[in-house]
Each structure stands twice: as C-alpha cells, then as structure tokens.
Amino acid sequence: MASQMRLKFNWRMPGAYHNIEQRLARGIWPWTEGPRARLPKHFKLRYIDKHMREPVAVHFIPDTRKYKVDRHKQMQPVQNVPVPLIFPREADEGLWGGEAFLQGMRKKGDDPHKPRVWRLWRPFLMPRVFYSEILDEWLTITVTLRTLDLVDEVAGFDHYILSMHEVDLRSRLGMKLKAKMLQRLADGNLKEEIQEKYAKYMIPEEEIEWVGLSIEEAERKQEELEEAQHRASIRPMKEKYMQDLIERMKNKSLGAEVEDEDGALPAFTSSGGWQDKLADMNPFKKS
C-alpha cells in the first residue's frame, strides 16, 4: 500500500501520473482520447503556449537577479512570486491591459499602531473611443490608463490587438477583435497600404476560426465539424439505385428478365427508347 501511494502521488512520474496542469507545464497535450484529442494541431500548440507563458508583470516589479543576500549575509535564490489577481466577468467585456482586482491587508487609516484590515484595490476604468483601420469602425471600449499607454507604445489600436499575446490581452472582447481583424486581412479586400502595414500578423486562414476559443468551445466546434463530415458522407440508397439504373441503361445492359422472388428487374416489352422502358416499369399504368 505504501508503494502504491508513493507511485500515485509522486509528481515526477511520467505519463499518466501527470495531472492536466503538470502536463501543460511540460508542453504535453493532456487529453489523449475524446474530441479534445482530435483537435487541430495548431490549436493544441496555441493552447499549450497559453498555459506555459507567464504574463507580463503589471502589479509588481520582478527581480532579474538569480540570487540575493539576505539580512544575515546569506545567499538566497530570488523567487518572483506573482501577485494573485481577480478578473471579474467585466474584464472580458473591455481591455484592461493586464490590470485586475487585488485583495490584501493594510493598516487601518495607514496608522502603524492600528490592526490590519482587509482591502480590495480596483483598477481605474474609463470608456474610450478607438478607430480600427482594418475593420474601418469606431469602437467604444472600457479601458485603463495602462491600456492607453500600450496603444501609444505600439502606435495604433490595431497593432495593440494583433501584437498582444492572449495571456497579456486577457479579454474575450480582445480575442474576438483579433480574430475579426485576421479574417479581414485574410480576405484581402483592404487597401494596399493597409494590407502591407499589417501583413506581418497574418496566419493561415484555417487557423483564424480557432483563435480565441476556449477549450469547451473548441471541443464543441470539433464535434460539429465531425458531425457535418459524417452527414456529408452519407448517401441515400435511392440515389445509389438511381445512379446504378442510369449507368445500366447507358450501357444497354437492361435485359428482358421477369421479376422473380430474388428482386430481378422486370422485362421491357417495348422496343422504344429508355422513356418507353421506364413507362413499362410503371405499375400503375392502364392496360
């Protein structure tokens, strides 16, 4: 029993003993069966990259040193522990630039002699209007001051949406805009100078429809594609029999057999064309 417990809880064991988070951290696709295992390769790579990439530090300044000297003059490894962030539902409806809600403790009234109390820090949000050259639309979006700085840094709203990684964008609205912009670029209906300006962001057209989908949405989309392929591959038997009949008539292979118990074709008594032969096969014809 002890060996089985060590085998079950030892995170260093390969293969099936990794949970989903550990597999993603190692760049391994965690699902080996079901619709998720049949997802396109480009979506799998994008999904793994999303969970392996660390977002840009927004609420703290990371220490780039590997070691530091503590107060006891001892060398200690530097650990950049990210600040826990809270992204509410409204964050997907705007562009917050990586900012989120923070919770923690602080001295009441900033008085060091008073006890600590719980505190929630909120980002400063404001609506702003942006113009998209690719979409040729004016968009009113809730943003933060950091979002405005990032848009100015890359010199344009479209550059900000297309260049920002999904981990740093952290917005369903932003990913929908990115997919819509990529589709417009793939269609090639833009002006020549705009097409050349954003050509570096183009990706294969078959990957665009998967951009920004969650794993549940991608699974549902994969099932719908497989169902559509299955329905398209089904051929009704009446179409098959009709095609066989037409081919046999073209090859003049219709004989004068009489229908028997085995289902043989009836004999044709008319010496006319194929219309007359079909008329002879009509069971409701008046004699």
Protein backbone atom coordinates (compact mmCIF):
# COMPACT_ATOMS: atom_id res chain seq x y z
CA MET A 1 0.00 0.00 0.00
CA ALA A 2 2.83 2.40 0.79
CA SER A 3 4.47 1.79 -2.59
CA GLN A 4 1.17 2.38 -4.38
CA MET A 5 0.69 5.70 -2.57
CA ARG A 6 4.21 6.80 -3.43
CA LEU A 7 3.56 5.87 -7.04
CA LYS A 8 0.28 7.77 -7.14
CA PHE A 9 1.41 10.98 -5.50
CA ASN A 10 4.92 11.23 -6.92
CA TRP A 11 4.68 14.15 -9.38
CA ARG A 12 7.98 13.16 -11.01
CA MET A 13 6.49 10.03 -12.56
CA PRO A 14 5.96 10.40 -16.33
CA GLY A 15 2.91 9.73 -18.45
CA ALA A 16 -0.45 9.08 -16.85
CA TYR A 17 0.69 10.25 -13.39
CA HIS A 18 0.79 13.90 -14.53
CA ASN A 19 -2.31 15.93 -13.94
CA ILE A 20 -3.51 18.46 -16.51
CA GLU A 21 -1.56 21.39 -15.06
CA GLN A 22 1.68 19.39 -14.90
CA ARG A 23 1.25 18.16 -18.48
CA LEU A 24 0.66 21.68 -19.75
CA ALA A 25 3.67 22.95 -17.80
CA ARG A 26 5.81 20.39 -19.63
CA GLY A 27 4.31 21.15 -23.04
CA ILE A 28 2.37 17.87 -23.19
CA TRP A 29 -1.17 17.74 -24.56
CA PRO A 30 -3.15 16.50 -21.54
CA TRP A 31 -6.08 14.74 -23.29
CA THR A 32 -5.41 11.53 -25.21
CA GLU A 33 -8.97 10.48 -26.05
CA GLY A 34 -12.30 12.03 -26.93
CA PRO A 35 -12.96 15.13 -29.09
CA ARG A 36 -10.21 17.10 -27.35
CA ALA A 37 -7.62 14.62 -28.57
CA ARG A 38 -8.77 15.18 -32.18
CA LEU A 39 -8.46 18.98 -32.10
CA PRO A 40 -6.24 20.58 -34.78
CA LYS A 41 -2.54 20.66 -34.07
CA HIS A 42 -2.30 24.45 -34.33
CA PHE A 43 -4.96 24.84 -31.62
CA LYS A 44 -3.13 22.39 -29.36
CA LEU A 45 0.14 24.30 -29.74
CA ARG A 46 -1.60 27.62 -29.10
CA TYR A 47 -3.37 26.24 -26.02
CA ILE A 48 -0.15 24.79 -24.55
CA ASP A 49 1.74 28.02 -25.24
CA LYS A 50 -1.01 29.96 -23.46
CA HIS A 51 -0.62 27.92 -20.26
CA MET A 52 3.20 27.78 -20.39
CA ARG A 53 3.74 31.52 -20.88
CA GLU A 54 3.97 33.82 -17.88
CA PRO A 55 2.05 37.10 -18.29
CA VAL A 56 3.90 40.39 -18.14
CA ALA A 57 4.23 41.62 -14.56
CA VAL A 58 1.84 44.54 -14.06
CA HIS A 59 1.34 44.89 -10.30
CA PHE A 60 4.91 44.15 -9.18
CA ILE A 61 8.47 44.68 -10.41
CA PRO A 62 10.22 41.32 -10.95
CA ASP A 63 13.75 40.93 -9.70
CA THR A 64 16.01 39.85 -12.57
CA ARG A 65 18.75 38.56 -10.24
CA LYS A 66 19.12 34.84 -9.62
CA TYR A 67 20.45 35.25 -6.07
CA LYS A 68 20.40 37.94 -3.41
CA VAL A 69 21.98 38.49 0.01
CA ASP A 70 19.55 38.47 2.91
CA ARG A 71 19.91 40.34 6.17
CA HIS A 72 22.01 37.51 7.61
CA LYS A 73 24.57 37.85 4.81
CA GLN A 74 23.45 34.56 3.27
CA MET A 75 22.89 33.90 -0.43
CA GLN A 76 19.25 33.14 -1.22
CA PRO A 77 17.64 32.35 -4.57
CA VAL A 78 15.34 35.03 -5.90
CA GLN A 79 11.70 33.96 -6.27
CA ASN A 80 9.40 36.19 -8.27
CA VAL A 81 6.02 35.11 -6.96
CA PRO A 82 3.23 36.78 -8.99
CA VAL A 83 0.53 38.70 -7.18
CA PRO A 84 -2.82 36.85 -7.17
CA LEU A 85 -5.22 38.66 -9.49
CA ILE A 86 -9.01 38.63 -9.68
CA PHE A 87 -10.52 39.05 -13.16
CA PRO A 88 -14.28 39.60 -12.98
CA ARG A 89 -16.68 38.97 -15.82
CA GLU A 90 -16.49 42.62 -16.86
CA ALA A 91 -12.80 42.17 -17.72
CA ASP A 92 -13.81 40.13 -20.78
CA GLU A 93 -16.02 42.98 -21.98
CA GLY A 94 -13.22 45.55 -22.06
CA LEU A 95 -9.46 45.93 -22.44
CA TRP A 96 -7.85 46.30 -19.05
CA GLY A 97 -4.23 45.87 -20.21
CA GLY A 98 -3.46 43.15 -17.66
CA GLU A 99 -4.79 45.08 -14.67
CA ALA A 100 -7.23 43.36 -12.31
CA PHE A 101 -8.66 43.45 -8.81
CA LEU A 102 -6.23 42.97 -5.94
CA GLN A 103 -7.06 41.92 -2.42
CA GLY A 104 -4.86 42.11 0.65
CA MET A 105 -4.37 43.55 4.12
CA ARG A 106 -3.38 47.06 5.12
CA LYS A 107 -3.20 49.13 8.27
CA LYS A 108 -6.44 50.89 9.00
CA GLY A 109 -6.06 54.54 8.12
CA ASP A 110 -2.39 53.87 7.29
CA ASP A 111 -1.73 54.01 11.03
CA PRO A 112 1.03 51.54 12.03
CA HIS A 113 -0.45 51.26 15.53
CA LYS A 114 -3.85 50.02 14.30
CA PRO A 115 -4.68 46.43 13.28
CA ARG A 116 -4.67 45.32 9.69
CA VAL A 117 -7.95 45.16 7.77
CA TRP A 118 -8.96 43.56 4.50
CA ARG A 119 -8.80 45.80 1.42
CA LEU A 120 -9.78 45.45 -2.25
CA TRP A 121 -7.96 47.54 -4.86
CA ARG A 122 -9.82 48.25 -8.11
CA PRO A 123 -8.37 49.42 -11.42
CA PHE A 124 -9.37 52.85 -12.73
CA LEU A 125 -11.73 52.22 -15.66
CA MET A 126 -12.96 54.66 -18.27
CA PRO A 127 -14.67 54.41 -21.67
CA ARG A 128 -12.64 55.49 -24.68
CA VAL A 129 -13.26 55.53 -28.44
CA PHE A 130 -10.79 53.81 -30.79
CA TYR A 131 -10.63 53.65 -34.58
CA SER A 132 -9.68 50.42 -36.32
CA GLU A 133 -8.12 50.75 -39.76
CA ILE A 134 -8.67 47.10 -40.58
CA LEU A 135 -12.31 46.97 -39.52
CA ASP A 136 -12.95 50.60 -40.57
CA GLU A 137 -15.06 51.10 -37.43
CA TRP A 138 -15.16 53.31 -34.36
CA LEU A 139 -15.27 51.23 -31.15
CA THR A 140 -16.21 52.37 -27.65
CA ILE A 141 -14.35 50.18 -25.16
CA THR A 142 -13.77 50.32 -21.40
CA VAL A 143 -10.02 50.58 -20.80
CA THR A 144 -7.44 51.51 -18.17
CA LEU A 145 -4.62 54.02 -18.24
CA ARG A 146 -2.16 51.22 -18.89
CA THR A 147 -4.13 50.18 -21.99
CA LEU A 148 -3.83 53.71 -23.38
CA ASP A 149 -0.08 53.66 -22.74
CA LEU A 150 0.28 50.32 -24.53
CA VAL A 151 -1.73 51.55 -27.53
CA ASP A 152 0.51 54.62 -27.77
CA GLU A 153 3.60 52.46 -27.37
CA VAL A 154 2.81 50.32 -30.43
CA ALA A 155 1.41 53.32 -32.36
CA GLY A 156 -2.11 52.14 -33.06
CA PHE A 157 -5.12 50.26 -31.77
CA ASP A 158 -4.88 47.53 -34.44
CA HIS A 159 -1.20 46.96 -33.67
CA TYR A 160 -2.06 46.59 -29.99
CA ILE A 161 -4.77 43.96 -30.60
CA LEU A 162 -2.76 41.94 -33.14
CA SER A 163 0.63 42.07 -31.39
CA MET A 164 -0.54 41.40 -27.83
CA HIS A 165 -0.39 37.76 -26.71
CA GLU A 166 -3.57 36.15 -25.43
CA VAL A 167 -2.07 35.83 -21.94
CA ASP A 168 -1.39 39.57 -21.74
CA LEU A 169 -4.54 40.66 -23.58
CA ARG A 170 -6.71 38.73 -21.10
CA SER A 171 -10.02 39.67 -22.72
CA ARG A 172 -12.64 37.77 -24.71
CA LEU A 173 -13.52 41.00 -26.50
CA GLY A 174 -9.89 41.50 -27.49
CA MET A 175 -9.61 37.96 -28.88
CA LYS A 176 -12.84 38.37 -30.87
CA LEU A 177 -11.48 41.59 -32.34
CA LYS A 178 -8.20 39.85 -33.17
CA ALA A 179 -9.99 37.01 -35.00
CA LYS A 180 -12.15 39.51 -36.88
CA MET A 181 -9.10 41.55 -37.93
CA LEU A 182 -7.19 38.45 -39.04
CA GLN A 183 -10.17 37.37 -41.14
CA ARG A 184 -10.32 40.76 -42.85
CA LEU A 185 -6.60 40.53 -43.59
CA ALA A 186 -7.02 37.02 -44.99
CA ASP A 187 -9.86 38.14 -47.27
CA GLY A 188 -7.53 40.65 -48.94
CA ASN A 189 -10.23 43.27 -49.55
CA LEU A 190 -8.37 46.07 -47.77
CA LYS A 191 -6.44 48.90 -49.30
CA GLU A 192 -2.95 48.01 -50.44
CA GLU A 193 -1.16 50.21 -47.88
CA ILE A 194 -3.24 48.79 -45.00
CA GLN A 195 -2.71 45.23 -46.22
CA GLU A 196 1.07 45.74 -46.32
CA LYS A 197 1.09 47.54 -42.96
CA TYR A 198 -0.39 44.58 -41.08
CA ALA A 199 0.87 41.73 -43.29
CA LYS A 200 3.28 40.52 -40.59
CA TYR A 201 0.37 39.47 -38.38
CA MET A 202 -1.28 37.20 -40.94
CA ILE A 203 -1.74 33.50 -40.17
CA PRO A 204 -3.18 30.62 -42.26
CA GLU A 205 -6.88 31.05 -42.90
CA GLU A 206 -7.81 27.65 -41.46
CA GLU A 207 -6.40 28.74 -38.08
CA ILE A 208 -8.34 32.01 -37.82
CA GLU A 209 -11.67 30.44 -36.88
CA TRP A 210 -9.99 28.76 -33.87
CA VAL A 211 -8.41 31.95 -32.49
CA GLY A 212 -9.73 32.93 -29.07
CA LEU A 213 -11.81 29.80 -28.48
CA SER A 214 -11.85 28.25 -25.04
CA ILE A 215 -11.27 24.51 -24.72
CA GLU A 216 -15.02 23.93 -24.32
CA GLU A 217 -15.85 25.99 -27.41
CA ALA A 218 -13.14 24.23 -29.41
CA GLU A 219 -14.47 20.83 -28.34
CA ARG A 220 -17.99 21.82 -29.40
CA LYS A 221 -16.68 23.12 -32.74
CA GLN A 222 -14.75 19.89 -33.36
CA GLU A 223 -17.87 17.82 -32.72
CA GLU A 224 -19.90 19.98 -35.10
CA LEU A 225 -17.27 19.61 -37.84
CA GLU A 226 -17.16 15.84 -37.41
CA GLU A 227 -20.97 15.65 -37.47
CA ALA A 228 -21.06 17.72 -40.68
CA GLN A 229 -18.45 15.48 -42.31
CA HIS A 230 -20.40 12.39 -41.28
CA ARG A 231 -23.65 13.75 -42.71
CA ALA A 232 -21.92 14.72 -45.96
CA SER A 233 -20.52 11.19 -46.34
CA ILE A 234 -23.98 9.57 -46.02
CA ARG A 235 -25.55 8.71 -49.39
CA PRO A 236 -29.21 7.69 -49.54
CA MET A 237 -29.84 4.25 -51.05
CA LYS A 238 -32.36 5.66 -53.53
CA GLU A 239 -29.63 7.84 -55.04
CA LYS A 240 -27.34 4.84 -55.32
CA TYR A 241 -30.01 2.71 -57.00
CA MET A 242 -30.96 5.55 -59.34
CA GLN A 243 -27.33 6.04 -60.36
CA ASP A 244 -26.92 2.28 -60.93
CA LEU A 245 -30.04 2.23 -63.08
CA ILE A 246 -28.85 5.14 -65.19
CA GLU A 247 -25.47 3.51 -65.70
CA ARG A 248 -27.03 0.21 -66.75
CA MET A 249 -29.36 1.98 -69.16
CA LYS A 250 -26.44 3.87 -70.69
CA ASN A 251 -24.55 0.61 -71.16
CA LYS A 252 -27.66 -1.09 -72.59
CA SER A 253 -27.36 -3.79 -70.00
CA LEU A 254 -31.06 -3.96 -69.12
CA GLY A 255 -32.22 -7.41 -70.01
CA ALA A 256 -35.64 -8.87 -70.53
CA GLU A 257 -35.79 -10.78 -67.28
CA VAL A 258 -39.09 -11.17 -65.49
CA GLU A 259 -39.20 -10.07 -61.90
CA ASP A 260 -38.90 -13.02 -59.59
CA GLU A 261 -38.63 -13.57 -55.88
CA ASP A 262 -34.97 -12.53 -55.87
CA GLY A 263 -35.89 -8.96 -56.91
CA ALA A 264 -34.69 -9.12 -60.52
CA LEU A 265 -35.64 -6.25 -62.79
CA PRO A 266 -38.82 -6.70 -64.87
CA ALA A 267 -38.70 -7.30 -68.58
CA PHE A 268 -39.20 -4.49 -71.06
CA THR A 269 -41.67 -5.32 -73.85
CA SER A 270 -41.33 -2.05 -75.66
CA SER A 271 -38.67 -1.66 -78.30
CA GLY A 272 -38.58 2.09 -77.97
CA GLY A 273 -36.14 4.28 -76.13
CA TRP A 274 -35.43 4.48 -72.43
CA GLN A 275 -38.58 6.55 -71.87
CA ASP A 276 -40.70 3.67 -73.10
CA LYS A 277 -38.81 1.23 -70.92
CA LEU A 278 -39.46 3.37 -67.86
CA ALA A 279 -43.13 3.61 -68.85
CA ASP A 280 -43.35 -0.18 -68.99
CA MET A 281 -41.97 -0.34 -65.43
CA ASN A 282 -44.86 1.85 -64.13
CA PRO A 283 -47.09 -0.47 -62.01
CA PHE A 284 -49.98 1.99 -62.17
CA LYS A 285 -50.11 2.12 -65.98
CA LYS A 286 -53.50 1.37 -67.52
CA SER A 287 -53.53 -1.83 -69.54
